[in-house]
Structure formats: C-alpha cells, structure tokens
C-alpha cells in the first residue's frame, strides 16, 4: 500500500507498540514531509522516544505500518533502515566514552567499513560541520563536555548521510548557549537537504527550529500543527513545561496494556 501522507518521507500508520505487557503507543499515525523539521513534544513518558525507535527500525510495532517514500518497510531492521536513509541519534550522550573522537567516528561509519575512501571523505565532512571535534580529535569522548558529546553523536549519524535524521532529546541537560550552537549546526544540516524529526522537552527550542509539531500524551497523538499554534494551547503547553521540569531520565514511561476489542490487523511486509 502506498503513502497516505502528501509528500511524506516517512510515516507511521495506526501503530501500537508495547514493551512486554506494557503498551506505550496507542494507534499512532503521523507523517514526516520530505525536507521539513518535525518536532515531537509531550510530557516525559508520552512515547516520543519510542516513536523514533519505531521510525528507525529499532522497535518493530505490534500493529500498524511504517512507510518510507510510500513503501511498506514495517519490520525492517535498524541497520537496513540506516542504509535506506533513516538514522537515529539516541537520547543521552550516544558516544563511546573510552574511545577517542576519531575512533567514535570510525565506529559510526560501520556501513562504510569496506570503503576506506568514503570513510575518510565523510569524516572530513562532519569535522567541517563540527570544527570543535577536529580540535578534540584525539580526546576520549567521555572527557568532553555534554555539548561536545552531543555534537559527536550527531556527527556519527551524519557520516551515513541520512535522508531522515531522528534526534532524541537534542537539548536535554545543556546550557542555553550550548543549545544555540547546536541549533546552528542542525539548521545547517537541514539546509543541506536532510529531513529532521526531533524529540524535544523544550517548547522554546522546538518553536525556534521546527516547522511543525506533534504533541503526544500517554502514547497517543493529541495535537498536530505549528509550534506557534501549540503555544496558544495553554493546556498542552503547560504540560510540556511541567513535564520538562520533572524529567529525571530519557526513557519513555509505560502503562498496562488495555484489553482491545478484536479488530482487523494491518499486514506487515
């Protein structure tokens, strides 16, 4: 079956997802238009990180479909999805702390392991994008600041030249001046033609970066529109700010899976 979203690069259609007996996504449908910056917002535990995991192939859905350019890729493993152009930056300093910056980048280029010239050229590209990483090239990643580690995590993903880059918790735990520097790099990545899906706790950051926002609550989509429109929804906006203030970790929450009435399942390819 073809895409249901106009000009969509990647979509979820009627997705349920559970961790064991705990269901965290309930009938989630969303589409990401090619070339846009989409923000996923909501309280801590709303299911935002799980949406990214489903989009990038890390978490096959219990029900529903994942579409890429209108083609059904449900159940496609994450490594294969990365090869197709959908790459995720996990939440929480996604680096190997005991390895140097260059060694981290070498690991990040795993799909290019048989192409030394491509690894060299793309490493040069990401070091141009993040000059600070060139300065810290031989430093252990764990010795760097949180902002530098986030730069490295994004740089690793950019080695694969993703068409759709999913970033989980872009600004979590970082000082405003550090966040502003990251936003500049992310805007440049977008200007180069990369579609972005960004999980954010900060409505202000989302409003400054994202063209469209989706608000999740208790594993379901509650709102879709511009960040400005979301700001006008006082009930939802307050939930974001209060949720961000209470964050103590990066994981999604969960609730017991309810009994569902029998319904037709959507087939997977």
C-alpha atoms as a PDB file:
ATOM      1  CA  UNK A   1       0.000   0.000   0.000  1.00  0.00           C
ATOM      2  CA  UNK A   2       1.209   3.477  -0.872  1.00  0.00           C
ATOM      3  CA  UNK A   3       1.632   6.550   1.291  1.00  0.00           C
ATOM      4  CA  UNK A   4      -1.347   8.207   2.972  1.00  0.00           C
ATOM      5  CA  UNK A   5       0.539  11.487   3.606  1.00  0.00           C
ATOM      6  CA  UNK A   6       1.124  14.018   0.840  1.00  0.00           C
ATOM      7  CA  UNK A   7       4.843  14.225   0.027  1.00  0.00           C
ATOM      8  CA  UNK A   8       5.699  12.138   3.067  1.00  0.00           C
ATOM      9  CA  UNK A   9       9.229  10.816   3.508  1.00  0.00           C
ATOM     10  CA  UNK A  10       8.371   8.501   6.398  1.00  0.00           C
ATOM     11  CA  UNK A  11       5.107   7.623   8.136  1.00  0.00           C
ATOM     12  CA  UNK A  12       3.557   5.640  10.927  1.00  0.00           C
ATOM     13  CA  UNK A  13       0.072   4.305  10.294  1.00  0.00           C
ATOM     14  CA  UNK A  14      -2.131   3.025  13.162  1.00  0.00           C
ATOM     15  CA  UNK A  15       0.864   1.934  15.252  1.00  0.00           C
ATOM     16  CA  UNK A  16       0.651   0.177  18.612  1.00  0.00           C
ATOM     17  CA  UNK A  17       3.830  -0.703  20.478  1.00  0.00           C
ATOM     18  CA  UNK A  18       4.498  -2.455  23.780  1.00  0.00           C
ATOM     19  CA  UNK A  19       7.478  -3.294  25.945  1.00  0.00           C
ATOM     20  CA  UNK A  20       6.437  -6.756  27.013  1.00  0.00           C
ATOM     21  CA  UNK A  21       2.996  -6.455  28.610  1.00  0.00           C
ATOM     22  CA  UNK A  22       3.216  -2.648  28.879  1.00  0.00           C
ATOM     23  CA  UNK A  23       1.754  -0.739  25.963  1.00  0.00           C
ATOM     24  CA  UNK A  24       3.268   2.703  25.280  1.00  0.00           C
ATOM     25  CA  UNK A  25       1.919   3.658  21.838  1.00  0.00           C
ATOM     26  CA  UNK A  26      -1.786   3.574  21.009  1.00  0.00           C
ATOM     27  CA  UNK A  27      -2.966   3.837  17.386  1.00  0.00           C
ATOM     28  CA  UNK A  28      -0.310   6.436  16.468  1.00  0.00           C
ATOM     29  CA  UNK A  29      -0.413   7.827  12.938  1.00  0.00           C
ATOM     30  CA  UNK A  30       1.916  10.586  11.764  1.00  0.00           C
ATOM     31  CA  UNK A  31       3.792  11.578   8.662  1.00  0.00           C
ATOM     32  CA  UNK A  32       7.045  13.462   8.142  1.00  0.00           C
ATOM     33  CA  UNK A  33       7.134  15.507   4.954  1.00  0.00           C
ATOM     34  CA  UNK A  34      10.291  15.375   2.865  1.00  0.00           C
ATOM     35  CA  UNK A  35      12.508  18.338   3.699  1.00  0.00           C
ATOM     36  CA  UNK A  36      10.724  19.500   6.857  1.00  0.00           C
ATOM     37  CA  UNK A  37      11.750  19.772  10.505  1.00  0.00           C
ATOM     38  CA  UNK A  38       9.176  17.998  12.670  1.00  0.00           C
ATOM     39  CA  UNK A  39       9.182  18.325  16.445  1.00  0.00           C
ATOM     40  CA  UNK A  40       7.838  15.590  18.721  1.00  0.00           C
ATOM     41  CA  UNK A  41       6.785  17.094  22.038  1.00  0.00           C
ATOM     42  CA  UNK A  42       4.989  15.947  25.143  1.00  0.00           C
ATOM     43  CA  UNK A  43       5.455  15.166  28.774  1.00  0.00           C
ATOM     44  CA  UNK A  44       8.107  12.759  29.967  1.00  0.00           C
ATOM     45  CA  UNK A  45       6.837   9.242  29.289  1.00  0.00           C
ATOM     46  CA  UNK A  46       4.494  10.287  26.469  1.00  0.00           C
ATOM     47  CA  UNK A  47       6.048   7.874  23.956  1.00  0.00           C
ATOM     48  CA  UNK A  48       8.220  10.278  21.973  1.00  0.00           C
ATOM     49  CA  UNK A  49      11.427   8.229  22.091  1.00  0.00           C
ATOM     50  CA  UNK A  50       9.501   5.089  21.231  1.00  0.00           C
ATOM     51  CA  UNK A  51       8.101   6.776  18.115  1.00  0.00           C
ATOM     52  CA  UNK A  52      11.676   7.416  16.961  1.00  0.00           C
ATOM     53  CA  UNK A  53      12.615   3.809  17.689  1.00  0.00           C
ATOM     54  CA  UNK A  54       9.721   2.576  15.558  1.00  0.00           C
ATOM     55  CA  UNK A  55      10.549   5.011  12.733  1.00  0.00           C
ATOM     56  CA  UNK A  56      14.206   3.942  12.648  1.00  0.00           C
ATOM     57  CA  UNK A  57      13.583   0.189  12.852  1.00  0.00           C
ATOM     58  CA  UNK A  58      14.819  -0.324  16.410  1.00  0.00           C
ATOM     59  CA  UNK A  59      11.357  -1.299  17.644  1.00  0.00           C
ATOM     60  CA  UNK A  60       9.028  -3.192  15.262  1.00  0.00           C
ATOM     61  CA  UNK A  61       5.402  -2.271  16.029  1.00  0.00           C
ATOM     62  CA  UNK A  62       2.877  -4.693  17.465  1.00  0.00           C
ATOM     63  CA  UNK A  63       0.321  -3.402  14.992  1.00  0.00           C
ATOM     64  CA  UNK A  64       0.321  -0.906  12.150  1.00  0.00           C
ATOM     65  CA  UNK A  65       2.777   0.043   9.422  1.00  0.00           C
ATOM     66  CA  UNK A  66       5.952   2.025   8.821  1.00  0.00           C
ATOM     67  CA  UNK A  67       6.173   3.590   5.364  1.00  0.00           C
ATOM     68  CA  UNK A  68       9.248   5.043   3.661  1.00  0.00           C
ATOM     69  CA  UNK A  69       8.549   7.003   0.487  1.00  0.00           C
ATOM     70  CA  UNK A  70       5.176   5.268   0.481  1.00  0.00           C
ATOM     71  CA  UNK A  71       6.631   1.746   0.569  1.00  0.00           C
ATOM     72  CA  UNK A  72       5.895  -0.557   3.493  1.00  0.00           C
ATOM     73  CA  UNK A  73       9.101  -1.160   5.462  1.00  0.00           C
ATOM     74  CA  UNK A  74       7.457  -2.478   8.632  1.00  0.00           C
ATOM     75  CA  UNK A  75       9.812  -4.799  10.491  1.00  0.00           C
ATOM     76  CA  UNK A  76      12.903  -3.735   8.542  1.00  0.00           C
ATOM     77  CA  UNK A  77      15.932  -3.939  10.910  1.00  0.00           C
ATOM     78  CA  UNK A  78      17.606  -0.712  12.025  1.00  0.00           C
ATOM     79  CA  UNK A  79      20.831  -1.384  10.103  1.00  0.00           C
ATOM     80  CA  UNK A  80      18.835  -1.813   6.915  1.00  0.00           C
ATOM     81  CA  UNK A  81      16.788   1.324   7.676  1.00  0.00           C
ATOM     82  CA  UNK A  82      20.038   3.247   8.121  1.00  0.00           C
ATOM     83  CA  UNK A  83      21.129   2.017   4.715  1.00  0.00           C
ATOM     84  CA  UNK A  84      17.810   3.283   3.328  1.00  0.00           C
ATOM     85  CA  UNK A  85      18.498   6.689   4.839  1.00  0.00           C
ATOM     86  CA  UNK A  86      16.659   6.740   8.199  1.00  0.00           C
ATOM     87  CA  UNK A  87      19.176   7.229  11.019  1.00  0.00           C
ATOM     88  CA  UNK A  88      18.611   7.900  14.725  1.00  0.00           C
ATOM     89  CA  UNK A  89      20.696   9.777  17.289  1.00  0.00           C
ATOM     90  CA  UNK A  90      19.681   8.132  20.604  1.00  0.00           C
ATOM     91  CA  UNK A  91      18.924  10.210  23.664  1.00  0.00           C
ATOM     92  CA  UNK A  92      21.612  10.705  26.300  1.00  0.00           C
ATOM     93  CA  UNK A  93      25.202  11.211  25.061  1.00  0.00           C
ATOM     94  CA  UNK A  94      25.303   8.490  22.406  1.00  0.00           C
ATOM     95  CA  UNK A  95      29.078   8.082  22.343  1.00  0.00           C
ATOM     96  CA  UNK A  96      31.625   5.514  23.456  1.00  0.00           C
ATOM     97  CA  UNK A  97      33.271   7.403  26.354  1.00  0.00           C
ATOM     98  CA  UNK A  98      36.542   5.464  26.401  1.00  0.00           C
ATOM     99  CA  UNK A  99      37.171   5.885  22.667  1.00  0.00           C
ATOM    100  CA  UNK A 100      38.629   8.988  21.060  1.00  0.00           C
ATOM    101  CA  UNK A 101      36.569  11.254  18.835  1.00  0.00           C
ATOM    102  CA  UNK A 102      38.145   9.758  15.711  1.00  0.00           C
ATOM    103  CA  UNK A 103      37.588   6.214  16.950  1.00  0.00           C
ATOM    104  CA  UNK A 104      33.940   7.036  17.670  1.00  0.00           C
ATOM    105  CA  UNK A 105      33.560   8.327  14.129  1.00  0.00           C
ATOM    106  CA  UNK A 106      35.226   5.225  12.759  1.00  0.00           C
ATOM    107  CA  UNK A 107      32.704   3.066  14.627  1.00  0.00           C
ATOM    108  CA  UNK A 108      29.860   5.296  13.432  1.00  0.00           C
ATOM    109  CA  UNK A 109      30.841   4.661   9.820  1.00  0.00           C
ATOM    110  CA  UNK A 110      30.157   0.939  10.157  1.00  0.00           C
ATOM    111  CA  UNK A 111      28.092   0.828   6.961  1.00  0.00           C
ATOM    112  CA  UNK A 112      31.164   2.113   5.106  1.00  0.00           C
ATOM    113  CA  UNK A 113      33.558  -0.401   6.627  1.00  0.00           C
ATOM    114  CA  UNK A 114      34.566  -1.701   3.181  1.00  0.00           C
ATOM    115  CA  UNK A 115      35.070   1.749   1.640  1.00  0.00           C
ATOM    116  CA  UNK A 116      38.069   3.482   3.181  1.00  0.00           C
ATOM    117  CA  UNK A 117      37.921   6.472   0.812  1.00  0.00           C
ATOM    118  CA  UNK A 118      34.273   7.163   1.674  1.00  0.00           C
ATOM    119  CA  UNK A 119      35.021   6.931   5.416  1.00  0.00           C
ATOM    120  CA  UNK A 120      37.860   9.421   5.024  1.00  0.00           C
ATOM    121  CA  UNK A 121      35.810  11.881   2.951  1.00  0.00           C
ATOM    122  CA  UNK A 122      32.762  11.756   5.191  1.00  0.00           C
ATOM    123  CA  UNK A 123      34.840  12.112   8.332  1.00  0.00           C
ATOM    124  CA  UNK A 124      36.286  15.286   6.856  1.00  0.00           C
ATOM    125  CA  UNK A 125      32.721  16.492   6.112  1.00  0.00           C
ATOM    126  CA  UNK A 126      31.467  16.071   9.678  1.00  0.00           C
ATOM    127  CA  UNK A 127      34.607  17.630  11.150  1.00  0.00           C
ATOM    128  CA  UNK A 128      33.957  20.651   8.940  1.00  0.00           C
ATOM    129  CA  UNK A 129      30.398  20.746  10.293  1.00  0.00           C
ATOM    130  CA  UNK A 130      31.648  20.485  13.882  1.00  0.00           C
ATOM    131  CA  UNK A 131      35.107  22.157  14.000  1.00  0.00           C
ATOM    132  CA  UNK A 132      35.356  21.638  17.756  1.00  0.00           C
ATOM    133  CA  UNK A 133      35.502  17.889  17.156  1.00  0.00           C
ATOM    134  CA  UNK A 134      38.569  18.343  14.974  1.00  0.00           C
ATOM    135  CA  UNK A 135      40.246  20.170  17.862  1.00  0.00           C
ATOM    136  CA  UNK A 136      39.353  17.302  20.200  1.00  0.00           C
ATOM    137  CA  UNK A 137      40.047  14.538  17.661  1.00  0.00           C
ATOM    138  CA  UNK A 138      42.378  12.515  19.911  1.00  0.00           C
ATOM    139  CA  UNK A 139      40.492  13.171  23.159  1.00  0.00           C
ATOM    140  CA  UNK A 140      38.443  10.482  24.855  1.00  0.00           C
ATOM    141  CA  UNK A 141      34.765  11.229  24.236  1.00  0.00           C
ATOM    142  CA  UNK A 142      33.994  10.835  27.939  1.00  0.00           C
ATOM    143  CA  UNK A 143      36.358  13.710  28.792  1.00  0.00           C
ATOM    144  CA  UNK A 144      34.386  16.194  26.693  1.00  0.00           C
ATOM    145  CA  UNK A 145      31.542  18.481  27.715  1.00  0.00           C
ATOM    146  CA  UNK A 146      27.924  17.468  27.244  1.00  0.00           C
ATOM    147  CA  UNK A 147      27.588  19.774  24.256  1.00  0.00           C
ATOM    148  CA  UNK A 148      30.698  18.340  22.601  1.00  0.00           C
ATOM    149  CA  UNK A 149      29.428  14.818  23.162  1.00  0.00           C
ATOM    150  CA  UNK A 150      26.104  15.737  21.550  1.00  0.00           C
ATOM    151  CA  UNK A 151      27.997  17.160  18.573  1.00  0.00           C
ATOM    152  CA  UNK A 152      29.868  13.865  18.297  1.00  0.00           C
ATOM    153  CA  UNK A 153      26.656  11.840  18.480  1.00  0.00           C
ATOM    154  CA  UNK A 154      25.129  13.859  15.638  1.00  0.00           C
ATOM    155  CA  UNK A 155      28.374  13.721  13.654  1.00  0.00           C
ATOM    156  CA  UNK A 156      28.366   9.909  13.866  1.00  0.00           C
ATOM    157  CA  UNK A 157      24.874   9.828  12.390  1.00  0.00           C
ATOM    158  CA  UNK A 158      25.770  12.315   9.648  1.00  0.00           C
ATOM    159  CA  UNK A 159      28.567  10.027   8.452  1.00  0.00           C
ATOM    160  CA  UNK A 160      25.786   7.937   6.903  1.00  0.00           C
ATOM    161  CA  UNK A 161      24.367  10.947   5.014  1.00  0.00           C
ATOM    162  CA  UNK A 162      20.813  10.306   6.213  1.00  0.00           C
ATOM    163  CA  UNK A 163      17.789  11.461   4.284  1.00  0.00           C
ATOM    164  CA  UNK A 164      15.777  11.414   7.534  1.00  0.00           C
ATOM    165  CA  UNK A 165      17.669  12.167  10.748  1.00  0.00           C
ATOM    166  CA  UNK A 166      15.876  11.424  14.033  1.00  0.00           C
ATOM    167  CA  UNK A 167      17.385  13.181  17.071  1.00  0.00           C
ATOM    168  CA  UNK A 168      16.200  12.164  20.530  1.00  0.00           C
ATOM    169  CA  UNK A 169      16.400  14.874  23.227  1.00  0.00           C
ATOM    170  CA  UNK A 170      18.529  17.370  21.307  1.00  0.00           C
ATOM    171  CA  UNK A 171      18.903  19.908  24.124  1.00  0.00           C
ATOM    172  CA  UNK A 172      18.361  17.871  27.289  1.00  0.00           C
ATOM    173  CA  UNK A 173      20.668  18.931  30.112  1.00  0.00           C
ATOM    174  CA  UNK A 174      22.596  21.511  28.065  1.00  0.00           C
ATOM    175  CA  UNK A 175      23.160  25.192  28.849  1.00  0.00           C
ATOM    176  CA  UNK A 176      21.294  27.678  26.613  1.00  0.00           C
ATOM    177  CA  UNK A 177      24.480  28.947  24.954  1.00  0.00           C
ATOM    178  CA  UNK A 178      25.452  25.365  24.091  1.00  0.00           C
ATOM    179  CA  UNK A 179      21.967  24.662  22.741  1.00  0.00           C
ATOM    180  CA  UNK A 180      22.172  27.726  20.486  1.00  0.00           C
ATOM    181  CA  UNK A 181      25.375  26.391  18.942  1.00  0.00           C
ATOM    182  CA  UNK A 182      23.777  23.001  18.338  1.00  0.00           C
ATOM    183  CA  UNK A 183      20.743  24.640  16.747  1.00  0.00           C
ATOM    184  CA  UNK A 184      23.021  26.375  14.252  1.00  0.00           C
ATOM    185  CA  UNK A 185      24.543  23.048  13.231  1.00  0.00           C
ATOM    186  CA  UNK A 186      21.123  21.387  12.988  1.00  0.00           C
ATOM    187  CA  UNK A 187      19.845  24.225  10.786  1.00  0.00           C
ATOM    188  CA  UNK A 188      22.841  23.745   8.514  1.00  0.00           C
ATOM    189  CA  UNK A 189      22.107  20.011   8.303  1.00  0.00           C
ATOM    190  CA  UNK A 190      18.546  20.850   7.310  1.00  0.00           C
ATOM    191  CA  UNK A 191      19.738  23.405   4.752  1.00  0.00           C
ATOM    192  CA  UNK A 192      21.760  20.643   3.134  1.00  0.00           C
ATOM    193  CA  UNK A 193      18.516  18.799   2.421  1.00  0.00           C
ATOM    194  CA  UNK A 194      18.114  16.467   5.390  1.00  0.00           C
ATOM    195  CA  UNK A 195      14.625  15.847   6.779  1.00  0.00           C
ATOM    196  CA  UNK A 196      14.634  16.099  10.579  1.00  0.00           C
ATOM    197  CA  UNK A 197      12.499  14.571  13.329  1.00  0.00           C
ATOM    198  CA  UNK A 198      13.469  15.985  16.719  1.00  0.00           C
ATOM    199  CA  UNK A 199      12.243  14.923  20.150  1.00  0.00           C
ATOM    200  CA  UNK A 200      12.294  17.937  22.458  1.00  0.00           C
ATOM    201  CA  UNK A 201      11.293  18.725  26.015  1.00  0.00           C
ATOM    202  CA  UNK A 202      11.708  22.467  25.416  1.00  0.00           C
ATOM    203  CA  UNK A 203       8.832  24.130  23.601  1.00  0.00           C
ATOM    204  CA  UNK A 204      11.032  27.190  23.075  1.00  0.00           C
ATOM    205  CA  UNK A 205      13.689  25.141  21.289  1.00  0.00           C
ATOM    206  CA  UNK A 206      11.044  23.456  19.152  1.00  0.00           C
ATOM    207  CA  UNK A 207       9.473  26.794  18.263  1.00  0.00           C
ATOM    208  CA  UNK A 208      12.834  28.161  17.115  1.00  0.00           C
ATOM    209  CA  UNK A 209      13.667  25.149  14.952  1.00  0.00           C
ATOM    210  CA  UNK A 210      10.619  23.156  13.892  1.00  0.00           C
ATOM    211  CA  UNK A 211       8.134  23.967  11.169  1.00  0.00           C
ATOM    212  CA  UNK A 212       5.528  21.600  12.561  1.00  0.00           C
ATOM    213  CA  UNK A 213       4.948  19.966  15.927  1.00  0.00           C
ATOM    214  CA  UNK A 214       3.184  16.822  17.102  1.00  0.00           C
ATOM    215  CA  UNK A 215       2.185  16.610  20.746  1.00  0.00           C
ATOM    216  CA  UNK A 216       1.994  13.172  22.339  1.00  0.00           C
ATOM    217  CA  UNK A 217       0.270  12.343  25.602  1.00  0.00           C
ATOM    218  CA  UNK A 218       0.013   8.880  27.145  1.00  0.00           C
ATOM    219  CA  UNK A 219       1.120   7.265  23.903  1.00  0.00           C
ATOM    220  CA  UNK A 220      -1.402   8.966  21.624  1.00  0.00           C
ATOM    221  CA  UNK A 221      -1.303  11.996  19.314  1.00  0.00           C
ATOM    222  CA  UNK A 222      -3.144  14.924  20.909  1.00  0.00           C
ATOM    223  CA  UNK A 223      -2.112  17.794  18.616  1.00  0.00           C
ATOM    224  CA  UNK A 224      -0.583  18.450  15.193  1.00  0.00           C
ATOM    225  CA  UNK A 225       0.224  21.938  13.902  1.00  0.00           C
ATOM    226  CA  UNK A 226       2.777  24.724  14.113  1.00  0.00           C
ATOM    227  CA  UNK A 227       4.708  25.358  17.346  1.00  0.00           C
ATOM    228  CA  UNK A 228       3.022  28.781  17.467  1.00  0.00           C
ATOM    229  CA  UNK A 229      -0.383  27.100  17.494  1.00  0.00           C
ATOM    230  CA  UNK A 230       0.787  24.761  20.232  1.00  0.00           C
ATOM    231  CA  UNK A 231       1.885  27.739  22.314  1.00  0.00           C
ATOM    232  CA  UNK A 232      -1.687  29.041  22.075  1.00  0.00           C
ATOM    233  CA  UNK A 233      -2.959  25.767  23.556  1.00  0.00           C
ATOM    234  CA  UNK A 234      -2.330  26.600  27.180  1.00  0.00           C
ATOM    235  CA  UNK A 235      -3.369  23.173  28.448  1.00  0.00           C
ATOM    236  CA  UNK A 236      -0.819  21.364  26.275  1.00  0.00           C
ATOM    237  CA  UNK A 237       1.935  23.983  26.534  1.00  0.00           C
ATOM    238  CA  UNK A 238       1.812  23.858  30.329  1.00  0.00           C
ATOM    239  CA  UNK A 239       2.133  20.076  30.157  1.00  0.00           C
ATOM    240  CA  UNK A 240       5.359  20.382  28.163  1.00  0.00           C
ATOM    241  CA  UNK A 241       6.963  22.858  30.547  1.00  0.00           C
ATOM    242  CA  UNK A 242       5.876  20.985  33.677  1.00  0.00           C
ATOM    243  CA  UNK A 243       6.971  17.679  32.183  1.00  0.00           C
ATOM    244  CA  UNK A 244      10.389  19.077  31.300  1.00  0.00           C
ATOM    245  CA  UNK A 245      10.863  20.353  34.845  1.00  0.00           C
ATOM    246  CA  UNK A 246      10.200  16.886  36.234  1.00  0.00           C
ATOM    247  CA  UNK A 247      12.495  14.947  33.897  1.00  0.00           C
ATOM    248  CA  UNK A 248      14.859  12.564  35.641  1.00  0.00           C
ATOM    249  CA  UNK A 249      15.756  10.282  32.704  1.00  0.00           C
ATOM    250  CA  UNK A 250      15.408   9.753  28.964  1.00  0.00           C
ATOM    251  CA  UNK A 251      13.167   6.716  28.776  1.00  0.00           C
ATOM    252  CA  UNK A 252       9.517   6.669  27.873  1.00  0.00           C
ATOM    253  CA  UNK A 253       7.057   5.722  30.532  1.00  0.00           C
ATOM    254  CA  UNK A 254       4.501   2.993  30.053  1.00  0.00           C
ATOM    255  CA  UNK A 255       1.152   1.880  31.265  1.00  0.00           C
ATOM    256  CA  UNK A 256      -0.521  -1.523  31.394  1.00  0.00           C
ATOM    257  CA  UNK A 257      -1.751  -2.694  28.046  1.00  0.00           C
ATOM    258  CA  UNK A 258      -5.560  -2.486  27.977  1.00  0.00           C
ATOM    259  CA  UNK A 259      -7.666  -5.239  26.572  1.00  0.00           C
ATOM    260  CA  UNK A 260      -8.550  -4.392  22.999  1.00  0.00           C
ATOM    261  CA  UNK A 261     -11.620  -5.403  21.161  1.00  0.00           C
ATOM    262  CA  UNK A 262     -10.835  -7.695  18.243  1.00  0.00           C
ATOM    263  CA  UNK A 263     -10.110  -5.721  15.118  1.00  0.00           C
ATOM    264  CA  UNK A 264      -8.545  -6.375  11.787  1.00  0.00           C
ATOM    265  CA  UNK A 265      -4.763  -6.284  11.846  1.00  0.00           C
ATOM    266  CA  UNK A 266      -2.814  -4.494   9.214  1.00  0.00           C
ATOM    267  CA  UNK A 267      -0.485  -6.877   7.457  1.00  0.00           C
ATOM    268  CA  UNK A 268       3.271  -6.361   7.502  1.00  0.00           C
ATOM    269  CA  UNK A 269       5.502  -6.827   4.530  1.00  0.00           C
END
